[in-house]
C-alpha atoms as a PDB file:
ATOM      1  CA  MET A   1     -90.891  87.912 -79.666  1.00  0.00           C
ATOM      2  CA  LEU A   2     -90.855  91.495 -80.131  1.00  0.00           C
ATOM      3  CA  GLN A   3     -88.588  92.125 -77.119  1.00  0.00           C
ATOM      4  CA  GLY A   4     -86.208  90.121 -78.372  1.00  0.00           C
ATOM      5  CA  LEU A   5     -86.321  92.246 -81.974  1.00  0.00           C
ATOM      6  CA  SER A   6     -86.064  95.591 -79.711  1.00  0.00           C
ATOM      7  CA  GLY A   7     -82.632  97.098 -80.481  1.00  0.00           C
ATOM      8  CA  LYS A   8     -81.282  94.804 -82.985  1.00  0.00           C
ATOM      9  CA  MET A   9     -80.962  93.637 -86.233  1.00  0.00           C
ATOM     10  CA  HIS A  10     -82.744  90.445 -87.545  1.00  0.00           C
ATOM     11  CA  GLU A  11     -82.622  89.098 -91.187  1.00  0.00           C
ATOM     12  CA  VAL A  12     -85.667  88.264 -93.084  1.00  0.00           C
ATOM     13  CA  VAL A  13     -85.527  85.783 -95.814  1.00  0.00           C
ATOM     14  CA  SER A  14     -87.750  84.837 -98.345  1.00  0.00           C
ATOM     15  CA  SER A  15     -87.293  82.219-101.311  1.00  0.00           C
ATOM     16  CA  PHE A  16     -89.574  81.354-104.670  1.00  0.00           C
ATOM     17  CA  CYS A  17     -89.063  78.743-107.219  1.00  0.00           C
ATOM     18  CA  LEU A  18     -90.150  79.313-111.008  1.00  0.00           C
ATOM     19  CA  ILE A  19     -91.025  75.555-112.431  1.00  0.00           C
ATOM     20  CA  SER A  20     -92.004  74.721-115.667  1.00  0.00           C
ATOM     21  CA  LEU A  21     -91.356  71.410-118.016  1.00  0.00           C
ATOM     22  CA  LYS A  22     -88.157  72.791-119.348  1.00  0.00           C
ATOM     23  CA  LYS A  23     -86.324  74.436-116.442  1.00  0.00           C
ATOM     24  CA  GLU A  24     -86.242  75.366-113.057  1.00  0.00           C
ATOM     25  CA  ILE A  25     -85.193  78.682-111.043  1.00  0.00           C
ATOM     26  CA  VAL A  26     -84.741  78.778-107.156  1.00  0.00           C
ATOM     27  CA  SER A  27     -83.657  82.248-105.805  1.00  0.00           C
ATOM     28  CA  ASN A  28     -83.845  83.847-102.331  1.00  0.00           C
ATOM     29  CA  GLU A  29     -83.971  87.639-100.670  1.00  0.00           C
ATOM     30  CA  ILE A  30     -82.549  88.895 -97.510  1.00  0.00           C
ATOM     31  CA  THR A  31     -83.214  92.123 -95.853  1.00  0.00           C
ATOM     32  CA  ARG A  32     -81.962  93.071 -93.115  1.00  0.00           C
ATOM     33  CA  VAL A  33     -84.340  95.143 -90.376  1.00  0.00           C
ATOM     34  CA  TYR A  34     -83.043  97.442 -87.510  1.00  0.00           C
ATOM     35  CA  PHE A  35     -85.558  97.942 -84.740  1.00  0.00           C
ATOM     36  CA  LYS A  36     -84.833 100.668 -82.281  1.00  0.00           C
ATOM     37  CA  ASN A  37     -85.064 100.137 -78.809  1.00  0.00           C
ATOM     38  CA  LEU A  38     -88.656  99.480 -78.144  1.00  0.00           C
ATOM     39  CA  GLU A  39     -90.310 100.715 -74.836  1.00  0.00           C
ATOM     40  CA  SER A  40     -92.404  98.116 -73.008  1.00  0.00           C
ATOM     41  CA  GLU A  41     -95.596 100.217 -73.216  1.00  0.00           C
ATOM     42  CA  GLU A  42     -95.240 100.132 -77.423  1.00  0.00           C
ATOM     43  CA  ILE A  43     -94.936  96.523 -77.557  1.00  0.00           C
ATOM     44  CA  THR A  44     -98.209  96.267 -75.394  1.00  0.00           C
ATOM     45  CA  TYR A  45    -100.018  98.796 -77.454  1.00  0.00           C
ATOM     46  CA  TYR A  46     -98.870  97.250 -80.424  1.00  0.00           C
ATOM     47  CA  VAL A  47    -100.153  93.625 -79.385  1.00  0.00           C
ATOM     48  CA  GLU A  48    -103.427  94.594 -78.138  1.00  0.00           C
ATOM     49  CA  GLN A  49    -104.173  96.929 -81.077  1.00  0.00           C
ATOM     50  CA  TYR A  50    -103.108  94.990 -84.265  1.00  0.00           C
ATOM     51  CA  GLU A  51    -103.021  91.340 -85.715  1.00  0.00           C
ATOM     52  CA  THR A  52     -99.745  89.948 -84.163  1.00  0.00           C
ATOM     53  CA  LEU A  53    -100.713  86.267 -84.282  1.00  0.00           C
ATOM     54  CA  ASP A  54    -100.573  85.854 -87.853  1.00  0.00           C
ATOM     55  CA  LYS A  55     -97.123  87.527 -88.037  1.00  0.00           C
ATOM     56  CA  ALA A  56     -94.116  85.891 -89.063  1.00  0.00           C
ATOM     57  CA  GLY A  57     -91.632  87.535 -86.612  1.00  0.00           C
ATOM     58  CA  SER A  58     -94.860  88.390 -84.720  1.00  0.00           C
ATOM     59  CA  TYR A  59     -95.132  92.047 -86.896  1.00  0.00           C
ATOM     60  CA  GLY A  60     -95.951  93.470 -89.823  1.00  0.00           C
ATOM     61  CA  ILE A  61     -93.592  95.974 -91.255  1.00  0.00           C
ATOM     62  CA  GLN A  62     -96.971  97.858 -92.952  1.00  0.00           C
ATOM     63  CA  ASP A  63     -98.355  98.168 -89.182  1.00  0.00           C
ATOM     64  CA  TRP A  64     -97.863 101.027 -86.822  1.00  0.00           C
ATOM     65  CA  ILE A  65     -94.971  98.886 -84.962  1.00  0.00           C
ATOM     66  CA  GLY A  66     -93.208  99.331 -88.741  1.00  0.00           C
ATOM     67  CA  LEU A  67     -93.462 102.888 -88.498  1.00  0.00           C
ATOM     68  CA  ILE A  68     -92.372 104.100 -85.535  1.00  0.00           C
ATOM     69  CA  GLY A  69     -89.666 100.995 -84.457  1.00  0.00           C
ATOM     70  CA  ILE A  70     -87.713  99.966 -87.399  1.00  0.00           C
ATOM     71  CA  SER A  71     -85.099 102.838 -87.928  1.00  0.00           C
ATOM     72  CA  SER A  72     -83.902 101.892 -91.008  1.00  0.00           C
ATOM     73  CA  ILE A  73     -83.815  98.283 -93.637  1.00  0.00           C
ATOM     74  CA  GLU A  74     -81.166  97.073 -95.948  1.00  0.00           C
ATOM     75  CA  GLY A  75     -82.532  95.553 -98.848  1.00  0.00           C
ATOM     76  CA  SER A  76     -86.301  94.847 -99.832  1.00  0.00           C
ATOM     77  CA  TYR A  77     -89.378  96.135 -98.152  1.00  0.00           C
ATOM     78  CA  PHE A  78     -91.448  93.812 -99.930  1.00  0.00           C
ATOM     79  CA  ASN A  79     -89.480  91.351 -99.182  1.00  0.00           C
ATOM     80  CA  VAL A  80     -90.367  92.012 -95.345  1.00  0.00           C
ATOM     81  CA  MET A  81     -94.185  92.210 -96.518  1.00  0.00           C
ATOM     82  CA  GLY A  82     -93.765  88.541 -97.471  1.00  0.00           C
ATOM     83  CA  LEU A  83     -92.106  88.261-101.183  1.00  0.00           C
ATOM     84  CA  PRO A  84     -89.623  90.113-103.038  1.00  0.00           C
ATOM     85  CA  THR A  85     -91.970  91.160-105.680  1.00  0.00           C
ATOM     86  CA  ALA A  86     -89.068  92.954-107.628  1.00  0.00           C
ATOM     87  CA  LYS A  87     -86.938  90.118-107.571  1.00  0.00           C
ATOM     88  CA  LEU A  88     -89.448  87.675-108.906  1.00  0.00           C
ATOM     89  CA  TYR A  89     -90.810  90.100-111.592  1.00  0.00           C
ATOM     90  CA  ASP A  90     -86.896  90.308-113.137  1.00  0.00           C
ATOM     91  CA  PHE A  91     -86.891  86.639-113.327  1.00  0.00           C
ATOM     92  CA  LEU A  92     -90.493  85.946-114.377  1.00  0.00           C
ATOM     93  CA  LYS A  93     -89.226  88.483-117.318  1.00  0.00           C
ATOM     94  CA  TYR A  94     -87.057  86.019-118.707  1.00  0.00           C
ATOM     95  CA  PHE A  95     -88.517  82.395-117.644  1.00  0.00           C
END
């Protein structure tokens, strides 16, 4: 999977739903992540040294591979980590 992401852009989409007896709000966040071309040695090192099997997309942006392999992102960093916290907070303020 990491080889497939190498040198490409992919989108991370996260959604959340807030429900009460009076209303329901559903929203999502899309973040574009750009990987540099990863060398096979870099991928091998990451897979051998880090927990990759429990990661959606096979990587953690906060891990070593994110530090050396991601050239840029468009959108929320925390969305890529798993939850668009700023957007969720804005919705919770007025929920």
